[in-house]
Amino acid sequence: TSSIVDRVLGCNYGETIRDAHIYLPSDPTELMYLFGQCSTEDFN
């Protein structure tokens, strides 16, 4: 997915996915839940 994003968007957009892929969930609902969280200290 990161390589697809790199190719279709350019500018190494896929690098963010590669950097975080081990922490990303496999459920899209959890993905959106993760997106709605707020923390200034959690780098992951």
Full PDB file with SEQRES, HELIX, SHEET, SSBOND, CRYST1, ORIGX, SCALE, CONECT and MASTER records, all heavy atoms in Angstrom:
SEQRES   1 A   44  THR SER SER ILE VAL ASP ARG VAL LEU GLY CYS ASN TYR          
SEQRES   2 A   44  GLY GLU THR ILE ARG ASP ALA HIS ILE TYR LEU PRO SER          
SEQRES   3 A   44  ASP PRO THR GLU LEU MET TYR LEU PHE GLY GLN CYS SER          
SEQRES   4 A   44  THR GLU ASP PHE ASN                                          
HELIX    1 AA1 SER A    2  LEU A    9  1                                   8    
HELIX    2 AA2 GLU A   15  ALA A   20  1                                   6    
HELIX    3 AA3 PRO A   28  PHE A   35  1                                   8    
CRYST1    1.000    1.000    1.000  90.00  90.00  90.00 P 1           1          
ORIGX1      1.000000  0.000000  0.000000        0.00000                         
ORIGX2      0.000000  1.000000  0.000000        0.00000                         
ORIGX3      0.000000  0.000000  1.000000        0.00000                         
SCALE1      1.000000  0.000000  0.000000        0.00000                         
SCALE2      0.000000  1.000000  0.000000        0.00000                         
SCALE3      0.000000  0.000000  1.000000        0.00000                         
ATOM      1  N   THR A   1       0.825  -1.206   0.000  1.00  0.00           N  
ATOM      2  CA  THR A   1       0.000   0.000   0.000  1.00  0.00           C  
ATOM      3  C   THR A   1       0.856   1.251   0.000  1.00  0.00           C  
ATOM      4  O   THR A   1       0.572   2.220  -0.721  1.00  0.00           O  
ATOM      5  CB  THR A   1      -0.925   0.004   1.238  1.00  0.00           C  
ATOM      6  OG1 THR A   1      -1.781  -1.139   1.194  1.00  0.00           O  
ATOM      7  CG2 THR A   1      -1.770   1.270   1.279  1.00  0.00           C  
ATOM      8  N   SER A   2       1.940   1.246   0.769  1.00  0.00           N  
ATOM      9  CA  SER A   2       2.826   2.419   0.815  1.00  0.00           C  
ATOM     10  C   SER A   2       3.467   2.669  -0.553  1.00  0.00           C  
ATOM     11  O   SER A   2       3.625   3.822  -0.965  1.00  0.00           O  
ATOM     12  CB  SER A   2       3.904   2.228   1.884  1.00  0.00           C  
ATOM     13  OG  SER A   2       4.862   1.251   1.498  1.00  0.00           O  
ATOM     14  N   SER A   3       3.820   1.606  -1.252  1.00  0.00           N  
ATOM     15  CA  SER A   3       4.431   1.770  -2.571  1.00  0.00           C  
ATOM     16  C   SER A   3       3.411   2.266  -3.592  1.00  0.00           C  
ATOM     17  O   SER A   3       3.747   3.057  -4.477  1.00  0.00           O  
ATOM     18  CB  SER A   3       5.033   0.436  -3.037  1.00  0.00           C  
ATOM     19  OG  SER A   3       6.121   0.054  -2.220  1.00  0.00           O  
ATOM     20  N   ILE A   4       2.164   1.801  -3.467  1.00  0.00           N  
ATOM     21  CA  ILE A   4       1.109   2.311  -4.347  1.00  0.00           C  
ATOM     22  C   ILE A   4       0.916   3.801  -4.112  1.00  0.00           C  
ATOM     23  O   ILE A   4       0.825   4.599  -5.061  1.00  0.00           O  
ATOM     24  CB  ILE A   4      -0.210   1.543  -4.096  1.00  0.00           C  
ATOM     25  CG1 ILE A   4      -0.079   0.097  -4.556  1.00  0.00           C  
ATOM     26  CG2 ILE A   4      -1.368   2.232  -4.822  1.00  0.00           C  
ATOM     27  CD1 ILE A   4      -1.277  -0.760  -4.215  1.00  0.00           C  
ATOM     28  N   VAL A   5       0.844   4.189  -2.843  1.00  0.00           N  
ATOM     29  CA  VAL A   5       0.661   5.605  -2.511  1.00  0.00           C  
ATOM     30  C   VAL A   5       1.837   6.438  -3.020  1.00  0.00           C  
ATOM     31  O   VAL A   5       1.658   7.544  -3.547  1.00  0.00           O  
ATOM     32  CB  VAL A   5       0.487   5.768  -0.986  1.00  0.00           C  
ATOM     33  CG1 VAL A   5       0.505   7.244  -0.588  1.00  0.00           C  
ATOM     34  CG2 VAL A   5      -0.816   5.111  -0.528  1.00  0.00           C  
ATOM     35  N   ASP A   6       3.044   5.915  -2.879  1.00  0.00           N  
ATOM     36  CA  ASP A   6       4.222   6.613  -3.417  1.00  0.00           C  
ATOM     37  C   ASP A   6       4.076   6.880  -4.904  1.00  0.00           C  
ATOM     38  O   ASP A   6       4.377   7.980  -5.397  1.00  0.00           O  
ATOM     39  CB  ASP A   6       5.479   5.768  -3.188  1.00  0.00           C  
ATOM     40  CG  ASP A   6       6.193   6.112  -1.892  1.00  0.00           C  
ATOM     41  OD1 ASP A   6       5.922   7.200  -1.331  1.00  0.00           O  
ATOM     42  OD2 ASP A   6       7.015   5.300  -1.444  1.00  0.00           O  
ATOM     43  N   ARG A   7       3.639   5.870  -5.634  1.00  0.00           N  
ATOM     44  CA  ARG A   7       3.556   5.984  -7.094  1.00  0.00           C  
ATOM     45  C   ARG A   7       2.436   6.913  -7.539  1.00  0.00           C  
ATOM     46  O   ARG A   7       2.619   7.737  -8.435  1.00  0.00           O  
ATOM     47  CB  ARG A   7       3.364   4.593  -7.713  1.00  0.00           C  
ATOM     48  CG  ARG A   7       4.566   3.673  -7.580  1.00  0.00           C  
ATOM     49  CD  ARG A   7       5.748   4.183  -8.390  1.00  0.00           C  
ATOM     50  NE  ARG A   7       6.878   3.245  -8.312  1.00  0.00           N  
ATOM     51  CZ  ARG A   7       8.038   3.448  -8.941  1.00  0.00           C  
ATOM     52  NH1 ARG A   7       8.209   4.531  -9.676  1.00  0.00           N  
ATOM     53  NH2 ARG A   7       9.015   2.576  -8.821  1.00  0.00           N  
ATOM     54  N   VAL A   8       1.255   6.783  -6.935  1.00  0.00           N  
ATOM     55  CA  VAL A   8       0.107   7.550  -7.427  1.00  0.00           C  
ATOM     56  C   VAL A   8       0.087   8.979  -6.901  1.00  0.00           C  
ATOM     57  O   VAL A   8      -0.475   9.874  -7.550  1.00  0.00           O  
ATOM     58  CB  VAL A   8      -1.225   6.840  -7.095  1.00  0.00           C  
ATOM     59  CG1 VAL A   8      -1.276   5.468  -7.757  1.00  0.00           C  
ATOM     60  CG2 VAL A   8      -1.450   6.723  -5.598  1.00  0.00           C  
ATOM     61  N   LEU A   9       0.700   9.228  -5.735  1.00  0.00           N  
ATOM     62  CA  LEU A   9       0.695  10.571  -5.171  1.00  0.00           C  
ATOM     63  C   LEU A   9       2.035  11.278  -5.303  1.00  0.00           C  
ATOM     64  O   LEU A   9       2.095  12.509  -5.341  1.00  0.00           O  
ATOM     65  CB  LEU A   9       0.295  10.534  -3.683  1.00  0.00           C  
ATOM     66  CG  LEU A   9      -1.104  10.024  -3.353  1.00  0.00           C  
ATOM     67  CD1 LEU A   9      -1.352  10.107  -1.852  1.00  0.00           C  
ATOM     68  CD2 LEU A   9      -2.172  10.803  -4.121  1.00  0.00           C  
ATOM     69  N   GLY A  10       3.124  10.493  -5.334  1.00  0.00           N  
ATOM     70  CA  GLY A  10       4.450  11.097  -5.384  1.00  0.00           C  
ATOM     71  C   GLY A  10       4.855  11.682  -4.043  1.00  0.00           C  
ATOM     72  O   GLY A  10       4.189  11.493  -3.019  1.00  0.00           O  
ATOM     73  N   CYS A  11       5.952  12.393  -4.039  1.00  0.00           N  
ATOM     74  CA  CYS A  11       6.425  13.116  -2.851  1.00  0.00           C  
ATOM     75  C   CYS A  11       6.614  12.217  -1.633  1.00  0.00           C  
ATOM     76  O   CYS A  11       6.522  12.685  -0.488  1.00  0.00           O  
ATOM     77  CB  CYS A  11       5.469  14.255  -2.487  1.00  0.00           C  
ATOM     78  SG  CYS A  11       5.282  15.486  -3.799  1.00  0.00           S  
ATOM     79  N   ASN A  12       6.850  10.916  -1.846  1.00  0.00           N  
ATOM     80  CA  ASN A  12       7.101   9.976  -0.744  1.00  0.00           C  
ATOM     81  C   ASN A  12       5.987   9.948   0.289  1.00  0.00           C  
ATOM     82  O   ASN A  12       6.250   9.777   1.487  1.00  0.00           O  
ATOM     83  CB  ASN A  12       8.440  10.308  -0.065  1.00  0.00           C  
ATOM     84  CG  ASN A  12       9.623  10.054  -0.977  1.00  0.00           C  
ATOM     85  OD1 ASN A  12       9.629   9.102  -1.758  1.00  0.00           O  
ATOM     86  ND2 ASN A  12      10.636  10.904  -0.872  1.00  0.00           N  
ATOM     87  N   TYR A  13       4.740  10.131  -0.162  1.00  0.00           N  
ATOM     88  CA  TYR A  13       3.620  10.038   0.767  1.00  0.00           C  
ATOM     89  C   TYR A  13       3.573   8.663   1.439  1.00  0.00           C  
ATOM     90  O   TYR A  13       3.122   8.536   2.578  1.00  0.00           O  
ATOM     91  CB  TYR A  13       2.292  10.289   0.042  1.00  0.00           C  
ATOM     92  CG  TYR A  13       1.935  11.754  -0.081  1.00  0.00           C  
ATOM     93  CD1 TYR A  13       2.186  12.460  -1.252  1.00  0.00           C  
ATOM     94  CD2 TYR A  13       1.316  12.425   0.978  1.00  0.00           C  
ATOM     95  CE1 TYR A  13       1.851  13.789  -1.377  1.00  0.00           C  
ATOM     96  CE2 TYR A  13       0.981  13.766   0.870  1.00  0.00           C  
ATOM     97  CZ  TYR A  13       1.241  14.448  -0.314  1.00  0.00           C  
ATOM     98  OH  TYR A  13       0.917  15.777  -0.430  1.00  0.00           O  
ATOM     99  N   GLY A  14       4.026   7.630   0.737  1.00  0.00           N  
ATOM    100  CA  GLY A  14       3.979   6.290   1.291  1.00  0.00           C  
ATOM    101  C   GLY A  14       4.960   6.054   2.417  1.00  0.00           C  
ATOM    102  O   GLY A  14       4.831   5.066   3.158  1.00  0.00           O  
ATOM    103  N   GLU A  15       5.935   6.940   2.563  1.00  0.00           N  
ATOM    104  CA  GLU A  15       6.937   6.760   3.618  1.00  0.00           C  
ATOM    105  C   GLU A  15       6.302   6.773   5.005  1.00  0.00           C  
ATOM    106  O   GLU A  15       6.740   6.059   5.903  1.00  0.00           O  
ATOM    107  CB  GLU A  15       8.001   7.846   3.514  1.00  0.00           C  
ATOM    108  CG  GLU A  15       9.158   7.662   4.485  1.00  0.00           C  
ATOM    109  CD  GLU A  15      10.265   8.678   4.262  1.00  0.00           C  
ATOM    110  OE1 GLU A  15      10.182   9.466   3.303  1.00  0.00           O  
ATOM    111  OE2 GLU A  15      11.216   8.675   5.072  1.00  0.00           O  
ATOM    112  N   THR A  16       5.251   7.574   5.178  1.00  0.00           N  
ATOM    113  CA  THR A  16       4.582   7.618   6.486  1.00  0.00           C  
ATOM    114  C   THR A  16       3.954   6.259   6.818  1.00  0.00           C  
ATOM    115  O   THR A  16       3.921   5.857   7.986  1.00  0.00           O  
ATOM    116  CB  THR A  16       3.495   8.703   6.504  1.00  0.00           C  
ATOM    117  OG1 THR A  16       2.514   8.421   5.489  1.00  0.00           O  
ATOM    118  CG2 THR A  16       4.090  10.076   6.221  1.00  0.00           C  
ATOM    119  N   ILE A  17       3.473   5.559   5.796  1.00  0.00           N  
ATOM    120  CA  ILE A  17       2.878   4.238   6.013  1.00  0.00           C  
ATOM    121  C   ILE A  17       3.962   3.228   6.352  1.00  0.00           C  
ATOM    122  O   ILE A  17       3.801   2.392   7.253  1.00  0.00           O  
ATOM    123  CB  ILE A  17       2.085   3.793   4.773  1.00  0.00           C  
ATOM    124  CG1 ILE A  17       1.011   4.833   4.418  1.00  0.00           C  
ATOM    125  CG2 ILE A  17       1.436   2.428   5.008  1.00  0.00           C  
ATOM    126  CD1 ILE A  17       0.308   4.568   3.098  1.00  0.00           C  
ATOM    127  N   ARG A  18       5.084   3.300   5.651  1.00  0.00           N  
ATOM    128  CA  ARG A  18       6.199   2.385   5.943  1.00  0.00           C  
ATOM    129  C   ARG A  18       6.728   2.597   7.356  1.00  0.00           C  
ATOM    130  O   ARG A  18       7.060   1.646   8.054  1.00  0.00           O  
ATOM    131  CB  ARG A  18       7.322   2.584   4.913  1.00  0.00           C  
ATOM    132  CG  ARG A  18       7.005   2.020   3.535  1.00  0.00           C  
ATOM    133  CD  ARG A  18       8.224   2.041   2.637  1.00  0.00           C  
ATOM    134  NE  ARG A  18       8.611   3.400   2.279  1.00  0.00           N  
ATOM    135  CZ  ARG A  18       8.077   4.093   1.286  1.00  0.00           C  
ATOM    136  NH1 ARG A  18       7.110   3.552   0.561  1.00  0.00           N  
ATOM    137  NH2 ARG A  18       8.487   5.308   1.003  1.00  0.00           N  
ATOM    138  N   ASP A  19       6.811   3.853   7.779  1.00  0.00           N  
ATOM    139  CA  ASP A  19       7.337   4.152   9.110  1.00  0.00           C  
ATOM    140  C   ASP A  19       6.441   3.610  10.222  1.00  0.00           C  
ATOM    141  O   ASP A  19       6.928   3.250  11.304  1.00  0.00           O  
ATOM    142  CB  ASP A  19       7.497   5.672   9.288  1.00  0.00           C  
ATOM    143  CG  ASP A  19       8.626   6.234   8.436  1.00  0.00           C  
ATOM    144  OD1 ASP A  19       9.476   5.441   7.967  1.00  0.00           O  
ATOM    145  OD2 ASP A  19       8.655   7.463   8.220  1.00  0.00           O  
ATOM    146  N   ALA A  20       5.139   3.572   9.959  1.00  0.00           N  
ATOM    147  CA  ALA A  20       4.188   3.224  11.027  1.00  0.00           C  
ATOM    148  C   ALA A  20       3.532   1.864  10.840  1.00  0.00           C  
ATOM    149  O   ALA A  20       2.687   1.478  11.658  1.00  0.00           O  
ATOM    150  CB  ALA A  20       3.097   4.298  11.106  1.00  0.00           C  
ATOM    151  N   HIS A  21       3.915   1.105   9.826  1.00  0.00           N  
ATOM    152  CA  HIS A  21       3.119  -0.065   9.454  1.00  0.00           C  
ATOM    153  C   HIS A  21       3.032  -1.122  10.568  1.00  0.00           C  
ATOM    154  O   HIS A  21       2.037  -1.829  10.673  1.00  0.00           O  
ATOM    155  CB  HIS A  21       3.647  -0.701   8.159  1.00  0.00           C  
ATOM    156  CG  HIS A  21       4.908  -1.489   8.311  1.00  0.00           C  
ATOM    157  ND1 HIS A  21       6.157  -0.899   8.288  1.00  0.00           N  
ATOM    158  CD2 HIS A  21       5.117  -2.817   8.490  1.00  0.00           C  
ATOM    159  CE1 HIS A  21       7.073  -1.836   8.434  1.00  0.00           C  
ATOM    160  NE2 HIS A  21       6.475  -3.009   8.565  1.00  0.00           N  
ATOM    161  N   ILE A  22       4.059  -1.220  11.405  1.00  0.00           N  
ATOM    162  CA  ILE A  22       3.998  -2.240  12.463  1.00  0.00           C  
ATOM    163  C   ILE A  22       3.019  -1.852  13.566  1.00  0.00           C  
ATOM    164  O   ILE A  22       2.605  -2.696  14.360  1.00  0.00           O  
ATOM    165  CB  ILE A  22       5.396  -2.519  13.063  1.00  0.00           C  
ATOM    166  CG1 ILE A  22       5.957  -1.243  13.701  1.00  0.00           C  
ATOM    167  CG2 ILE A  22       6.330  -3.082  12.024  1.00  0.00           C  
ATOM    168  CD1 ILE A  22       7.271  -1.497  14.439  1.00  0.00           C  
ATOM    169  N   TYR A  23       2.645  -0.577  13.632  1.00  0.00           N  
ATOM    170  CA  TYR A  23       1.717  -0.118  14.670  1.00  0.00           C  
ATOM    171  C   TYR A  23       0.291   0.027  14.151  1.00  0.00           C  
ATOM    172  O   TYR A  23      -0.648   0.164  14.945  1.00  0.00           O  
ATOM    173  CB  TYR A  23       2.173   1.236  15.226  1.00  0.00           C  
ATOM    174  CG  TYR A  23       3.588   1.239  15.747  1.00  0.00           C  
ATOM    175  CD1 TYR A  23       4.597   1.916  15.060  1.00  0.00           C  
ATOM    176  CD2 TYR A  23       3.922   0.552  16.912  1.00  0.00           C  
ATOM    177  CE1 TYR A  23       5.907   1.916  15.532  1.00  0.00           C  
ATOM    178  CE2 TYR A  23       5.227   0.550  17.387  1.00  0.00           C  
ATOM    179  CZ  TYR A  23       6.208   1.227  16.689  1.00  0.00           C  
ATOM    180  OH  TYR A  23       7.497   1.218  17.162  1.00  0.00           O  
ATOM    181  N   LEU A  24       0.106   0.012  12.845  1.00  0.00           N  
ATOM    182  CA  LEU A  24      -1.220   0.214  12.280  1.00  0.00           C  
ATOM    183  C   LEU A  24      -2.088  -1.022  12.486  1.00  0.00           C  
ATOM    184  O   LEU A  24      -1.620  -2.147  12.384  1.00  0.00           O  
ATOM    185  CB  LEU A  24      -1.118   0.516  10.778  1.00  0.00           C  
ATOM    186  CG  LEU A  24      -0.477   1.852  10.404  1.00  0.00           C  
ATOM    187  CD1 LEU A  24      -0.283   1.938   8.896  1.00  0.00           C  
ATOM    188  CD2 LEU A  24      -1.327   3.018  10.895  1.00  0.00           C  
ATOM    189  N   PRO A  25      -3.378  -0.825  12.768  1.00  0.00           N  
ATOM    190  CA  PRO A  25      -4.282  -1.970  12.964  1.00  0.00           C  
ATOM    191  C   PRO A  25      -4.702  -2.564  11.621  1.00  0.00           C  
ATOM    192  O   PRO A  25      -4.557  -1.939  10.569  1.00  0.00           O  
ATOM    193  CB  PRO A  25      -5.472  -1.343  13.687  1.00  0.00           C  
ATOM    194  CG  PRO A  25      -5.487   0.077  13.206  1.00  0.00           C  
ATOM    195  CD  PRO A  25      -4.045   0.469  13.017  1.00  0.00           C  
ATOM    196  N   SER A  26      -5.265  -3.756  11.680  1.00  0.00           N  
ATOM    197  CA  SER A  26      -5.719  -4.415  10.457  1.00  0.00           C  
ATOM    198  C   SER A  26      -7.220  -4.265  10.241  1.00  0.00           C  
ATOM    199  O   SER A  26      -7.759  -4.789   9.272  1.00  0.00           O  
ATOM    200  CB  SER A  26      -5.362  -5.912  10.511  1.00  0.00           C  
ATOM    201  OG  SER A  26      -5.882  -6.499  11.683  1.00  0.00           O  
ATOM    202  N   ASP A  27      -7.882  -3.556  11.120  1.00  0.00           N  
ATOM    203  CA  ASP A  27      -9.325  -3.320  11.030  1.00  0.00           C  
ATOM    204  C   ASP A  27      -9.547  -1.853  10.675  1.00  0.00           C  
ATOM    205  O   ASP A  27      -9.051  -0.960  11.372  1.00  0.00           O  
ATOM    206  CB  ASP A  27      -9.969  -3.648  12.381  1.00  0.00           C  
ATOM    207  CG  ASP A  27     -11.494  -3.560  12.334  1.00  0.00           C  
ATOM    208  OD1 ASP A  27     -12.027  -2.810  11.495  1.00  0.00           O  
ATOM    209  OD2 ASP A  27     -12.146  -4.228  13.151  1.00  0.00           O  
ATOM    210  N   PRO A  28     -10.290  -1.540   9.593  1.00  0.00           N  
ATOM    211  CA  PRO A  28     -10.499  -0.138   9.204  1.00  0.00           C  
ATOM    212  C   PRO A  28     -11.217   0.676  10.263  1.00  0.00           C  
ATOM    213  O   PRO A  28     -10.999   1.885  10.370  1.00  0.00           O  
ATOM    214  CB  PRO A  28     -11.307  -0.238   7.911  1.00  0.00           C  
ATOM    215  CG  PRO A  28     -11.901  -1.599   7.930  1.00  0.00           C  
ATOM    216  CD  PRO A  28     -10.925  -2.471   8.651  1.00  0.00           C  
ATOM    217  N   THR A  29     -12.092   0.039  11.055  1.00  0.00           N  
ATOM    218  CA  THR A  29     -12.770   0.786  12.124  1.00  0.00           C  
ATOM    219  C   THR A  29     -11.764   1.229  13.177  1.00  0.00           C  
ATOM    220  O   THR A  29     -11.846   2.348  13.708  1.00  0.00           O  
ATOM    221  CB  THR A  29     -13.865  -0.076  12.781  1.00  0.00           C  
ATOM    222  OG1 THR A  29     -13.287  -1.289  13.279  1.00  0.00           O  
ATOM    223  CG2 THR A  29     -14.952  -0.428  11.779  1.00  0.00           C  
ATOM    224  N   GLU A  30     -10.804   0.371  13.494  1.00  0.00           N  
ATOM    225  CA  GLU A  30      -9.758   0.735  14.445  1.00  0.00           C  
ATOM    226  C   GLU A  30      -8.843   1.807  13.853  1.00  0.00           C  
ATOM    227  O   GLU A  30      -8.314   2.658  14.569  1.00  0.00           O  
ATOM    228  CB  GLU A  30      -8.944  -0.499  14.829  1.00  0.00           C  
ATOM    229  CG  GLU A  30      -9.730  -1.534  15.621  1.00  0.00           C  
ATOM    230  CD  GLU A  30      -8.885  -2.756  15.949  1.00  0.00           C  
ATOM    231  OE1 GLU A  30      -7.663  -2.703  15.742  1.00  0.00           O  
ATOM    232  OE2 GLU A  30      -9.457  -3.765  16.400  1.00  0.00           O  
ATOM    233  N   LEU A  31      -8.675   1.743  12.554  1.00  0.00           N  
ATOM    234  CA  LEU A  31      -7.850   2.752  11.883  1.00  0.00           C  
ATOM    235  C   LEU A  31      -8.472   4.137  12.056  1.00  0.00           C  
ATOM    236  O   LEU A  31      -7.776   5.112  12.368  1.00  0.00           O  
ATOM    237  CB  LEU A  31      -7.727   2.399  10.397  1.00  0.00           C  
ATOM    238  CG  LEU A  31      -6.558   2.998   9.617  1.00  0.00           C  
ATOM    239  CD1 LEU A  31      -5.245   2.368  10.057  1.00  0.00           C  
ATOM    240  CD2 LEU A  31      -6.753   2.775   8.122  1.00  0.00           C  
ATOM    241  N   MET A  32      -9.789   4.231  11.863  1.00  0.00           N  
ATOM    242  CA  MET A  32     -10.463   5.515  12.014  1.00  0.00           C  
ATOM    243  C   MET A  32     -10.518   5.944  13.481  1.00  0.00           C  
ATOM    244  O   MET A  32     -10.423   7.131  13.784  1.00  0.00           O  
ATOM    245  CB  MET A  32     -11.881   5.427  11.432  1.00  0.00           C  
ATOM    246  CG  MET A  32     -11.901   5.162   9.932  1.00  0.00           C  
ATOM    247  SD  MET A  32     -10.886   6.313   8.990  1.00  0.00           S  
ATOM    248  CE  MET A  32     -11.635   7.863   9.435  1.00  0.00           C  
ATOM    249  N   TYR A  33     -10.654   4.973  14.386  1.00  0.00           N  
ATOM    250  CA  TYR A  33     -10.633   5.301  15.815  1.00  0.00           C  
ATOM    251  C   TYR A  33      -9.277   5.887  16.198  1.00  0.00           C  
ATOM    252  O   TYR A  33      -9.191   6.871  16.935  1.00  0.00           O  
ATOM    253  CB  TYR A  33     -10.912   4.043  16.632  1.00  0.00           C  
ATOM    254  CG  TYR A  33     -10.784   4.250  18.126  1.00  0.00           C  
ATOM    255  CD1 TYR A  33     -11.796   4.854  18.859  1.00  0.00           C  
ATOM    256  CD2 TYR A  33      -9.627   3.848  18.793  1.00  0.00           C  
ATOM    257  CE1 TYR A  33     -11.673   5.055  20.224  1.00  0.00           C  
ATOM    258  CE2 TYR A  33      -9.491   4.042  20.157  1.00  0.00           C  
ATOM    259  CZ  TYR A  33     -10.511   4.647  20.869  1.00  0.00           C  
ATOM    260  OH  TYR A  33     -10.377   4.849  22.217  1.00  0.00           O  
ATOM    261  N   LEU A  34      -8.234   5.267  15.673  1.00  0.00           N  
ATOM    262  CA  LEU A  34      -6.880   5.745  15.932  1.00  0.00           C  
ATOM    263  C   LEU A  34      -6.706   7.172  15.432  1.00  0.00           C  
ATOM    264  O   LEU A  34      -6.079   8.013  16.077  1.00  0.00           O  
ATOM    265  CB  LEU A  34      -5.885   4.815  15.220  1.00  0.00           C  
ATOM    266  CG  LEU A  34      -4.407   4.940  15.564  1.00  0.00           C  
ATOM    267  CD1 LEU A  34      -4.128   4.331  16.920  1.00  0.00           C  
ATOM    268  CD2 LEU A  34      -3.577   4.243  14.499  1.00  0.00           C  
ATOM    269  N   PHE A  35      -7.309   7.446  14.299  1.00  0.00           N  
ATOM    270  CA  PHE A  35      -7.196   8.771  13.689  1.00  0.00           C  
ATOM    271  C   PHE A  35      -7.844   9.841  14.557  1.00  0.00           C  
ATOM    272  O   PHE A  35      -7.421  11.000  14.541  1.00  0.00           O  
ATOM    273  CB  PHE A  35      -7.857   8.742  12.310  1.00  0.00           C  
ATOM    274  CG  PHE A  35      -7.706  10.018  11.545  1.00  0.00           C  
ATOM    275  CD1 PHE A  35      -6.450  10.527  11.232  1.00  0.00           C  
ATOM    276  CD2 PHE A  35      -8.821  10.716  11.126  1.00  0.00           C  
ATOM    277  CE1 PHE A  35      -6.323  11.706  10.520  1.00  0.00           C  
ATOM    278  CE2 PHE A  35      -8.693  11.894  10.410  1.00  0.00           C  
ATOM    279  CZ  PHE A  35      -7.435  12.386  10.103  1.00  0.00           C  
ATOM    280  N   GLY A  36      -8.845   9.452  15.350  1.00  0.00           N  
ATOM    281  CA  GLY A  36      -9.565  10.435  16.166  1.00  0.00           C  
ATOM    282  C   GLY A  36      -8.973  10.658  17.540  1.00  0.00           C  
ATOM    283  O   GLY A  36      -9.475  11.496  18.304  1.00  0.00           O  
ATOM    284  N   GLN A  37      -7.895   9.924  17.894  1.00  0.00           N  
ATOM    285  CA  GLN A  37      -7.282  10.085  19.213  1.00  0.00           C  
ATOM    286  C   GLN A  37      -6.394  11.331  19.250  1.00  0.00           C  
ATOM    287  O   GLN A  37      -5.974  11.860  18.217  1.00  0.00           O  
ATOM    288  CB  GLN A  37      -6.462   8.841  19.570  1.00  0.00           C  
ATOM    289  CG  GLN A  37      -7.281   7.569  19.620  1.00  0.00           C  
ATOM    290  CD  GLN A  37      -8.479   7.691  20.548  1.00  0.00           C  
ATOM    291  OE1 GLN A  37      -8.329   7.881  21.745  1.00  0.00           O  
ATOM    292  NE2 GLN A  37      -9.684   7.598  19.975  1.00  0.00           N  
ATOM    293  N   CYS A  38      -6.104  11.768  20.468  1.00  0.00           N  
ATOM    294  CA  CYS A  38      -5.289  12.971  20.625  1.00  0.00           C  
ATOM    295  C   CYS A  38      -4.243  12.736  21.721  1.00  0.00           C  
ATOM    296  O   CYS A  38      -4.568  12.346  22.836  1.00  0.00           O  
ATOM    297  CB  CYS A  38      -6.172  14.165  20.991  1.00  0.00           C  
ATOM    298  SG  CYS A  38      -5.249  15.706  21.225  1.00  0.00           S  
ATOM    299  N   SER A  39      -2.986  12.960  21.358  1.00  0.00           N  
ATOM    300  CA  SER A  39      -1.905  12.843  22.340  1.00  0.00           C  
ATOM    301  C   SER A  39      -0.709  13.619  21.823  1.00  0.00           C  
ATOM    302  O   SER A  39      -0.329  13.508  20.662  1.00  0.00           O  
ATOM    303  CB  SER A  39      -1.517  11.371  22.549  1.00  0.00           C  
ATOM    304  OG  SER A  39      -0.370  11.296  23.380  1.00  0.00           O  
ATOM    305  N   THR A  40      -0.135  14.420  22.688  1.00  0.00           N  
ATOM    306  CA  THR A  40       1.049  15.200  22.302  1.00  0.00           C  
ATOM    307  C   THR A  40       2.341  14.482  22.667  1.00  0.00           C  
ATOM    308  O   THR A  40       3.426  14.957  22.342  1.00  0.00           O  
ATOM    309  CB  THR A  40       1.020  16.577  22.992  1.00  0.00           C  
ATOM    310  OG1 THR A  40       0.982  16.385  24.413  1.00  0.00           O  
ATOM    311  CG2 THR A  40      -0.197  17.374  22.529  1.00  0.00           C  
ATOM    312  N   GLU A  41       2.210  13.351  23.352  1.00  0.00           N  
ATOM    313  CA  GLU A  41       3.409  12.660  23.834  1.00  0.00           C  
ATOM    314  C   GLU A  41       3.659  11.325  23.141  1.00  0.00           C  
ATOM    315  O   GLU A  41       4.768  10.798  23.205  1.00  0.00           O  
ATOM    316  CB  GLU A  41       3.288  12.411  25.350  1.00  0.00           C  
ATOM    317  CG  GLU A  41       3.163  13.692  26.149  1.00  0.00           C  
ATOM    318  CD  GLU A  41       3.018  13.416  27.636  1.00  0.00           C  
ATOM    319  OE1 GLU A  41       2.949  12.221  28.015  1.00  0.00           O  
ATOM    320  OE2 GLU A  41       2.983  14.390  28.417  1.00  0.00           O  
ATOM    321  N   ASP A  42       2.657  10.769  22.503  1.00  0.00           N  
ATOM    322  CA  ASP A  42       2.784   9.454  21.867  1.00  0.00           C  
ATOM    323  C   ASP A  42       3.263   9.633  20.433  1.00  0.00           C  
ATOM    324  O   ASP A  42       2.486   9.954  19.536  1.00  0.00           O  
ATOM    325  CB  ASP A  42       1.441   8.730  21.907  1.00  0.00           C  
ATOM    326  CG  ASP A  42       1.566   7.264  21.490  1.00  0.00           C  
ATOM    327  OD1 ASP A  42       2.572   6.921  20.840  1.00  0.00           O  
ATOM    328  OD2 ASP A  42       0.649   6.479  21.799  1.00  0.00           O  
ATOM    329  N   PHE A  43       4.554   9.401  20.209  1.00  0.00           N  
ATOM    330  CA  PHE A  43       5.115   9.570  18.867  1.00  0.00           C  
ATOM    331  C   PHE A  43       4.532   8.548  17.895  1.00  0.00           C  
ATOM    332  O   PHE A  43       4.273   8.856  16.728  1.00  0.00           O  
ATOM    333  CB  PHE A  43       6.639   9.430  18.912  1.00  0.00           C  
ATOM    334  CG  PHE A  43       7.290   9.447  17.555  1.00  0.00           C  
ATOM    335  CD1 PHE A  43       7.500  10.643  16.881  1.00  0.00           C  
ATOM    336  CD2 PHE A  43       7.670   8.255  16.937  1.00  0.00           C  
ATOM    337  CE1 PHE A  43       8.087  10.657  15.627  1.00  0.00           C  
ATOM    338  CE2 PHE A  43       8.259   8.262  15.684  1.00  0.00           C  
ATOM    339  CZ  PHE A  43       8.471   9.468  15.026  1.00  0.00           C  
ATOM    340  N   ASN A  44       4.312   7.319  18.369  1.00  0.00           N  
ATOM    341  CA  ASN A  44       3.766   6.277  17.498  1.00  0.00           C  
ATOM    342  C   ASN A  44       2.367   6.641  17.021  1.00  0.00           C  
ATOM    343  O   ASN A  44       2.005   6.367  15.872  1.00  0.00           O  
ATOM    344  CB  ASN A  44       3.738   4.930  18.226  1.00  0.00           C  
ATOM    345  CG  ASN A  44       5.129   4.372  18.451  1.00  0.00           C  
ATOM    346  OD1 ASN A  44       6.060   4.668  17.702  1.00  0.00           O  
ATOM    347  ND2 ASN A  44       5.279   3.551  19.486  1.00  0.00           N  
TER     348      ASN A  44                                                      
MASTER        0    0    0    3    0    0    0    6  347    1    0    4          
END                                                                             
